[in-house]
Amino acid sequence: MSLPIGEIVRRLLELLDASTVAVIAGVSETRAVHSWLSGREPQRPQVLRFALQLGAMIANAADAEFCKAWFHGSNPNLNDRVPMLMLRDLPLSEIQPELVGAARLFAARPGTGSSA
């Protein structure tokens, strides 16, 4: 995704709340999240870009509330780990495949609006 970081954050905020975006980015205050909207660069922009990719996968099959729940919830496809905490705490290179797989499984579930 080659969008400017402000656009990435704006789109994430449409799917998630500022507190969730802050956790994913590894910051303690939502004030930082809002500063990224005006062009300030976060320390881990690649994590935010990846989070938006995951959110878009899920949101295509469900609404924003399901998307937020997916990021917050203990996920059986991730050994009961929480996606937003994985994004905050673990190297992106180590968790990308797992998270994409879990998001795909969620998006393909019956009842999430997917045609799969």
N, C-alpha and C. Protein backbone atom coordinates (compact mmCIF):
# COMPACT_ATOMS: atom_id res chain seq x y z
N MET A 1 0.84 -1.18 0.00
CA MET A 1 0.00 0.00 0.00
C MET A 1 0.88 1.24 0.00
N SER A 2 0.72 2.06 -0.98
CA SER A 2 1.57 3.23 -1.09
C SER A 2 0.85 4.52 -0.69
N LEU A 3 -0.23 4.41 0.03
CA LEU A 3 -0.95 5.59 0.49
C LEU A 3 -0.13 6.35 1.52
N PRO A 4 -0.32 7.66 1.62
CA PRO A 4 0.33 8.42 2.68
C PRO A 4 -0.14 7.92 4.05
N ILE A 5 0.71 8.04 5.03
CA ILE A 5 0.38 7.51 6.35
C ILE A 5 -0.88 8.15 6.93
N GLY A 6 -1.13 9.42 6.65
CA GLY A 6 -2.36 10.05 7.14
C GLY A 6 -3.60 9.37 6.61
N GLU A 7 -3.56 8.94 5.36
CA GLU A 7 -4.69 8.23 4.75
C GLU A 7 -4.83 6.83 5.33
N ILE A 8 -3.71 6.18 5.58
CA ILE A 8 -3.73 4.85 6.22
C ILE A 8 -4.42 4.96 7.58
N VAL A 9 -4.02 5.94 8.37
CA VAL A 9 -4.59 6.13 9.71
C VAL A 9 -6.07 6.49 9.62
N ARG A 10 -6.43 7.36 8.68
CA ARG A 10 -7.84 7.73 8.52
C ARG A 10 -8.69 6.50 8.22
N ARG A 11 -8.21 5.66 7.33
CA ARG A 11 -8.96 4.45 6.99
C ARG A 11 -9.02 3.46 8.15
N LEU A 12 -7.93 3.35 8.89
CA LEU A 12 -7.95 2.50 10.08
C LEU A 12 -8.98 3.00 11.08
N LEU A 13 -9.06 4.32 11.24
CA LEU A 13 -10.01 4.88 12.19
C LEU A 13 -11.46 4.67 11.76
N GLU A 14 -11.69 4.44 10.47
CA GLU A 14 -13.04 4.10 10.00
C GLU A 14 -13.42 2.68 10.41
N LEU A 15 -12.40 1.82 10.58
CA LEU A 15 -12.64 0.42 10.94
C LEU A 15 -12.49 0.15 12.43
N LEU A 16 -11.57 0.86 13.04
CA LEU A 16 -11.22 0.64 14.45
C LEU A 16 -11.31 1.97 15.18
N ASP A 17 -11.17 1.96 16.47
CA ASP A 17 -11.14 3.22 17.20
C ASP A 17 -9.69 3.65 17.44
N ALA A 18 -9.52 4.87 17.89
CA ALA A 18 -8.18 5.42 18.09
C ALA A 18 -7.39 4.63 19.14
N SER A 19 -8.07 4.11 20.15
CA SER A 19 -7.37 3.33 21.18
C SER A 19 -6.79 2.05 20.59
N THR A 20 -7.55 1.40 19.71
CA THR A 20 -7.07 0.17 19.08
C THR A 20 -5.90 0.47 18.17
N VAL A 21 -5.98 1.54 17.39
CA VAL A 21 -4.88 1.92 16.50
C VAL A 21 -3.64 2.24 17.34
N ALA A 22 -3.82 2.89 18.47
CA ALA A 22 -2.68 3.20 19.34
C ALA A 22 -2.02 1.92 19.85
N VAL A 23 -2.82 0.95 20.27
CA VAL A 23 -2.25 -0.32 20.75
C VAL A 23 -1.47 -0.99 19.64
N ILE A 24 -2.07 -1.08 18.45
CA ILE A 24 -1.39 -1.72 17.32
C ILE A 24 -0.06 -1.04 17.02
N ALA A 25 -0.04 0.28 17.10
CA ALA A 25 1.17 1.04 16.79
C ALA A 25 2.18 1.04 17.93
N GLY A 26 1.75 0.59 19.10
CA GLY A 26 2.67 0.54 20.24
C GLY A 26 2.85 1.86 20.95
N VAL A 27 1.83 2.72 20.88
CA VAL A 27 1.89 4.00 21.59
C VAL A 27 0.84 4.00 22.70
N SER A 28 1.07 4.82 23.71
CA SER A 28 0.18 4.80 24.86
C SER A 28 -0.94 5.83 24.80
N GLU A 29 -0.87 6.78 23.86
CA GLU A 29 -1.88 7.84 23.82
C GLU A 29 -2.49 7.95 22.43
N THR A 30 -3.79 8.19 22.40
CA THR A 30 -4.48 8.39 21.12
C THR A 30 -4.09 9.72 20.48
N ARG A 31 -3.53 10.61 21.27
CA ARG A 31 -3.06 11.89 20.73
C ARG A 31 -2.05 11.65 19.60
N ALA A 32 -1.21 10.65 19.75
CA ALA A 32 -0.23 10.32 18.71
C ALA A 32 -0.94 9.88 17.44
N VAL A 33 -1.98 9.06 17.58
CA VAL A 33 -2.74 8.58 16.42
C VAL A 33 -3.28 9.77 15.65
N HIS A 34 -3.86 10.72 16.34
CA HIS A 34 -4.44 11.88 15.67
C HIS A 34 -3.37 12.77 15.02
N SER A 35 -2.16 12.77 15.59
CA SER A 35 -1.09 13.57 14.97
C SER A 35 -0.64 12.97 13.64
N TRP A 36 -0.81 11.66 13.47
CA TRP A 36 -0.43 11.02 12.22
C TRP A 36 -1.37 11.41 11.08
N LEU A 37 -2.57 11.83 11.43
CA LEU A 37 -3.52 12.27 10.40
C LEU A 37 -3.02 13.51 9.68
N SER A 38 -2.24 14.31 10.37
CA SER A 38 -1.73 15.54 9.77
C SER A 38 -0.30 15.40 9.23
N GLY A 39 0.16 14.16 9.09
CA GLY A 39 1.43 13.95 8.43
C GLY A 39 2.60 13.56 9.31
N ARG A 40 2.45 13.61 10.62
CA ARG A 40 3.54 13.17 11.49
C ARG A 40 3.75 11.67 11.25
N GLU A 41 4.98 11.25 11.16
CA GLU A 41 5.30 9.86 10.83
C GLU A 41 5.36 9.01 12.10
N PRO A 42 4.60 7.90 12.14
CA PRO A 42 4.69 6.99 13.29
C PRO A 42 6.00 6.20 13.25
N GLN A 43 6.37 5.61 14.37
CA GLN A 43 7.61 4.84 14.44
C GLN A 43 7.51 3.54 13.64
N ARG A 44 6.31 2.98 13.53
CA ARG A 44 6.15 1.69 12.86
C ARG A 44 5.07 1.77 11.78
N PRO A 45 5.29 2.57 10.75
CA PRO A 45 4.26 2.74 9.72
C PRO A 45 3.91 1.44 9.01
N GLN A 46 4.89 0.52 8.88
CA GLN A 46 4.63 -0.73 8.20
C GLN A 46 3.60 -1.57 8.94
N VAL A 47 3.57 -1.47 10.26
CA VAL A 47 2.59 -2.21 11.06
C VAL A 47 1.20 -1.64 10.81
N LEU A 48 1.10 -0.32 10.73
CA LEU A 48 -0.20 0.30 10.46
C LEU A 48 -0.69 -0.04 9.05
N ARG A 49 0.21 -0.05 8.09
CA ARG A 49 -0.16 -0.42 6.72
C ARG A 49 -0.68 -1.86 6.67
N PHE A 50 0.01 -2.75 7.36
CA PHE A 50 -0.40 -4.15 7.39
C PHE A 50 -1.73 -4.30 8.13
N ALA A 51 -1.90 -3.58 9.22
CA ALA A 51 -3.17 -3.63 9.95
C ALA A 51 -4.33 -3.20 9.06
N LEU A 52 -4.10 -2.20 8.22
CA LEU A 52 -5.15 -1.77 7.30
C LEU A 52 -5.45 -2.86 6.27
N GLN A 53 -4.43 -3.54 5.80
CA GLN A 53 -4.66 -4.64 4.87
C GLN A 53 -5.52 -5.72 5.52
N LEU A 54 -5.20 -6.08 6.76
CA LEU A 54 -6.00 -7.07 7.48
C LEU A 54 -7.43 -6.56 7.67
N GLY A 55 -7.54 -5.32 8.11
CA GLY A 55 -8.87 -4.75 8.34
C GLY A 55 -9.70 -4.72 7.08
N ALA A 56 -9.08 -4.41 5.96
CA ALA A 56 -9.81 -4.38 4.69
C ALA A 56 -10.29 -5.77 4.30
N MET A 57 -9.48 -6.78 4.56
CA MET A 57 -9.89 -8.16 4.26
C MET A 57 -11.12 -8.53 5.07
N ILE A 58 -11.09 -8.19 6.33
CA ILE A 58 -12.19 -8.55 7.21
C ILE A 58 -13.42 -7.70 6.93
N ALA A 59 -13.21 -6.41 6.72
CA ALA A 59 -14.33 -5.49 6.50
C ALA A 59 -15.05 -5.79 5.18
N ASN A 60 -14.35 -6.36 4.21
CA ASN A 60 -15.02 -6.74 2.96
C ASN A 60 -16.04 -7.84 3.19
N ALA A 61 -15.84 -8.61 4.24
CA ALA A 61 -16.74 -9.71 4.53
C ALA A 61 -17.66 -9.42 5.71
N ALA A 62 -17.43 -8.36 6.42
CA ALA A 62 -18.21 -8.05 7.62
C ALA A 62 -18.20 -6.54 7.82
N ASP A 63 -18.94 -6.08 8.81
CA ASP A 63 -18.95 -4.65 9.08
C ASP A 63 -17.82 -4.26 10.03
N ALA A 64 -17.71 -2.98 10.30
CA ALA A 64 -16.62 -2.46 11.12
C ALA A 64 -16.62 -3.05 12.53
N GLU A 65 -17.80 -3.33 13.08
CA GLU A 65 -17.84 -3.91 14.44
C GLU A 65 -17.19 -5.29 14.47
N PHE A 66 -17.44 -6.10 13.45
CA PHE A 66 -16.79 -7.41 13.36
C PHE A 66 -15.29 -7.24 13.20
N CYS A 67 -14.90 -6.25 12.41
CA CYS A 67 -13.49 -5.98 12.19
C CYS A 67 -12.80 -5.63 13.51
N LYS A 68 -13.41 -4.74 14.25
CA LYS A 68 -12.85 -4.34 15.54
C LYS A 68 -12.79 -5.53 16.49
N ALA A 69 -13.84 -6.34 16.50
CA ALA A 69 -13.86 -7.52 17.37
C ALA A 69 -12.74 -8.49 17.00
N TRP A 70 -12.47 -8.63 15.70
CA TRP A 70 -11.40 -9.53 15.27
C TRP A 70 -10.05 -9.08 15.82
N PHE A 71 -9.77 -7.79 15.75
CA PHE A 71 -8.50 -7.27 16.26
C PHE A 71 -8.39 -7.40 17.78
N HIS A 72 -9.52 -7.30 18.49
CA HIS A 72 -9.53 -7.32 19.96
C HIS A 72 -9.62 -8.72 20.55
N GLY A 73 -10.17 -9.66 19.80
CA GLY A 73 -10.53 -10.95 20.38
C GLY A 73 -9.42 -11.97 20.37
N SER A 74 -9.52 -12.88 21.31
CA SER A 74 -8.66 -14.05 21.34
C SER A 74 -9.04 -14.91 20.14
N ASN A 75 -8.07 -15.27 19.31
CA ASN A 75 -8.36 -15.93 18.05
C ASN A 75 -7.89 -17.38 18.08
N PRO A 76 -8.83 -18.33 17.93
CA PRO A 76 -8.43 -19.74 17.96
C PRO A 76 -7.48 -20.12 16.82
N ASN A 77 -7.52 -19.39 15.71
CA ASN A 77 -6.62 -19.67 14.60
C ASN A 77 -5.22 -19.10 14.83
N LEU A 78 -5.04 -18.38 15.93
CA LEU A 78 -3.75 -17.81 16.31
C LEU A 78 -3.32 -18.31 17.68
N ASN A 79 -3.72 -19.55 17.99
CA ASN A 79 -3.43 -20.13 19.31
C ASN A 79 -3.95 -19.24 20.44
N ASP A 80 -5.14 -18.71 20.23
CA ASP A 80 -5.83 -17.86 21.21
C ASP A 80 -5.11 -16.56 21.53
N ARG A 81 -4.24 -16.12 20.62
CA ARG A 81 -3.60 -14.82 20.80
C ARG A 81 -4.50 -13.73 20.22
N VAL A 82 -4.26 -12.49 20.61
CA VAL A 82 -5.07 -11.34 20.21
C VAL A 82 -4.33 -10.59 19.10
N PRO A 83 -4.94 -10.45 17.92
CA PRO A 83 -4.23 -9.82 16.79
C PRO A 83 -3.63 -8.45 17.09
N MET A 84 -4.36 -7.56 17.75
CA MET A 84 -3.79 -6.22 17.97
C MET A 84 -2.58 -6.28 18.89
N LEU A 85 -2.55 -7.23 19.82
CA LEU A 85 -1.39 -7.37 20.71
C LEU A 85 -0.22 -8.02 19.98
N MET A 86 -0.52 -8.92 19.07
CA MET A 86 0.54 -9.51 18.26
C MET A 86 1.20 -8.42 17.42
N LEU A 87 0.37 -7.56 16.81
CA LEU A 87 0.91 -6.47 15.99
C LEU A 87 1.76 -5.51 16.83
N ARG A 88 1.35 -5.30 18.06
CA ARG A 88 2.09 -4.39 18.93
C ARG A 88 3.40 -5.01 19.40
N ASP A 89 3.38 -6.29 19.73
CA ASP A 89 4.49 -6.90 20.48
C ASP A 89 5.48 -7.72 19.67
N LEU A 90 5.10 -8.16 18.50
CA LEU A 90 5.95 -9.11 17.77
C LEU A 90 6.45 -8.52 16.45
N PRO A 91 7.60 -8.98 15.98
CA PRO A 91 8.11 -8.49 14.69
C PRO A 91 7.15 -8.85 13.56
N LEU A 92 6.86 -7.87 12.75
CA LEU A 92 5.91 -8.05 11.66
C LEU A 92 6.30 -9.21 10.75
N SER A 93 7.57 -9.35 10.48
CA SER A 93 8.04 -10.42 9.58
C SER A 93 7.70 -11.81 10.12
N GLU A 94 7.57 -11.94 11.42
CA GLU A 94 7.28 -13.24 12.03
C GLU A 94 5.80 -13.55 12.07
N ILE A 95 4.94 -12.54 12.06
CA ILE A 95 3.51 -12.79 12.26
C ILE A 95 2.64 -12.55 11.04
N GLN A 96 3.18 -11.94 10.01
CA GLN A 96 2.38 -11.63 8.82
C GLN A 96 1.64 -12.84 8.27
N PRO A 97 2.31 -13.96 7.99
CA PRO A 97 1.59 -15.09 7.40
C PRO A 97 0.46 -15.61 8.29
N GLU A 98 0.71 -15.71 9.58
CA GLU A 98 -0.32 -16.18 10.51
C GLU A 98 -1.53 -15.27 10.52
N LEU A 99 -1.28 -13.97 10.59
CA LEU A 99 -2.37 -13.01 10.65
C LEU A 99 -3.17 -12.99 9.35
N VAL A 100 -2.50 -13.05 8.22
CA VAL A 100 -3.21 -13.09 6.94
C VAL A 100 -4.08 -14.34 6.87
N GLY A 101 -3.52 -15.48 7.28
CA GLY A 101 -4.29 -16.73 7.27
C GLY A 101 -5.52 -16.65 8.17
N ALA A 102 -5.35 -16.11 9.36
CA ALA A 102 -6.48 -15.98 10.28
C ALA A 102 -7.53 -15.01 9.75
N ALA A 103 -7.09 -13.92 9.14
CA ALA A 103 -8.04 -12.96 8.57
C ALA A 103 -8.80 -13.58 7.40
N ARG A 104 -8.10 -14.35 6.57
CA ARG A 104 -8.77 -15.02 5.45
C ARG A 104 -9.82 -16.01 5.95
N LEU A 105 -9.46 -16.79 6.97
CA LEU A 105 -10.43 -17.75 7.52
C LEU A 105 -11.64 -17.01 8.08
N PHE A 106 -11.41 -15.91 8.77
CA PHE A 106 -12.52 -15.15 9.32
C PHE A 106 -13.40 -14.58 8.20
N ALA A 107 -12.77 -14.02 7.19
CA ALA A 107 -13.51 -13.41 6.09
C ALA A 107 -14.33 -14.43 5.31
N ALA A 108 -13.86 -15.68 5.28
CA ALA A 108 -14.55 -16.72 4.52
C ALA A 108 -15.65 -17.42 5.32
N ARG A 109 -15.78 -17.09 6.58
CA ARG A 109 -16.80 -17.75 7.43
C ARG A 109 -18.20 -17.44 6.94
N PRO A 110 -19.08 -18.42 7.01
CA PRO A 110 -20.49 -18.14 6.70
C PRO A 110 -21.03 -17.11 7.69
N GLY A 111 -21.84 -16.23 7.18
CA GLY A 111 -22.46 -15.23 8.06
C GLY A 111 -21.70 -13.93 8.15
N THR A 112 -20.52 -13.83 7.51
CA THR A 112 -19.79 -12.56 7.56
C THR A 112 -20.00 -11.76 6.30
N GLY A 113 -20.87 -12.20 5.44
CA GLY A 113 -21.16 -11.45 4.24
C GLY A 113 -20.33 -11.90 3.06
N SER A 114 -19.47 -12.88 3.26
CA SER A 114 -18.63 -13.38 2.18
C SER A 114 -19.44 -14.33 1.30
N SER A 115 -19.08 -14.40 0.05
CA SER A 115 -19.76 -15.32 -0.85
C SER A 115 -19.04 -16.66 -0.93
N ALA A 116 -18.02 -16.84 -0.14
CA ALA A 116 -17.23 -18.09 -0.19
C ALA A 116 -17.96 -19.26 0.36
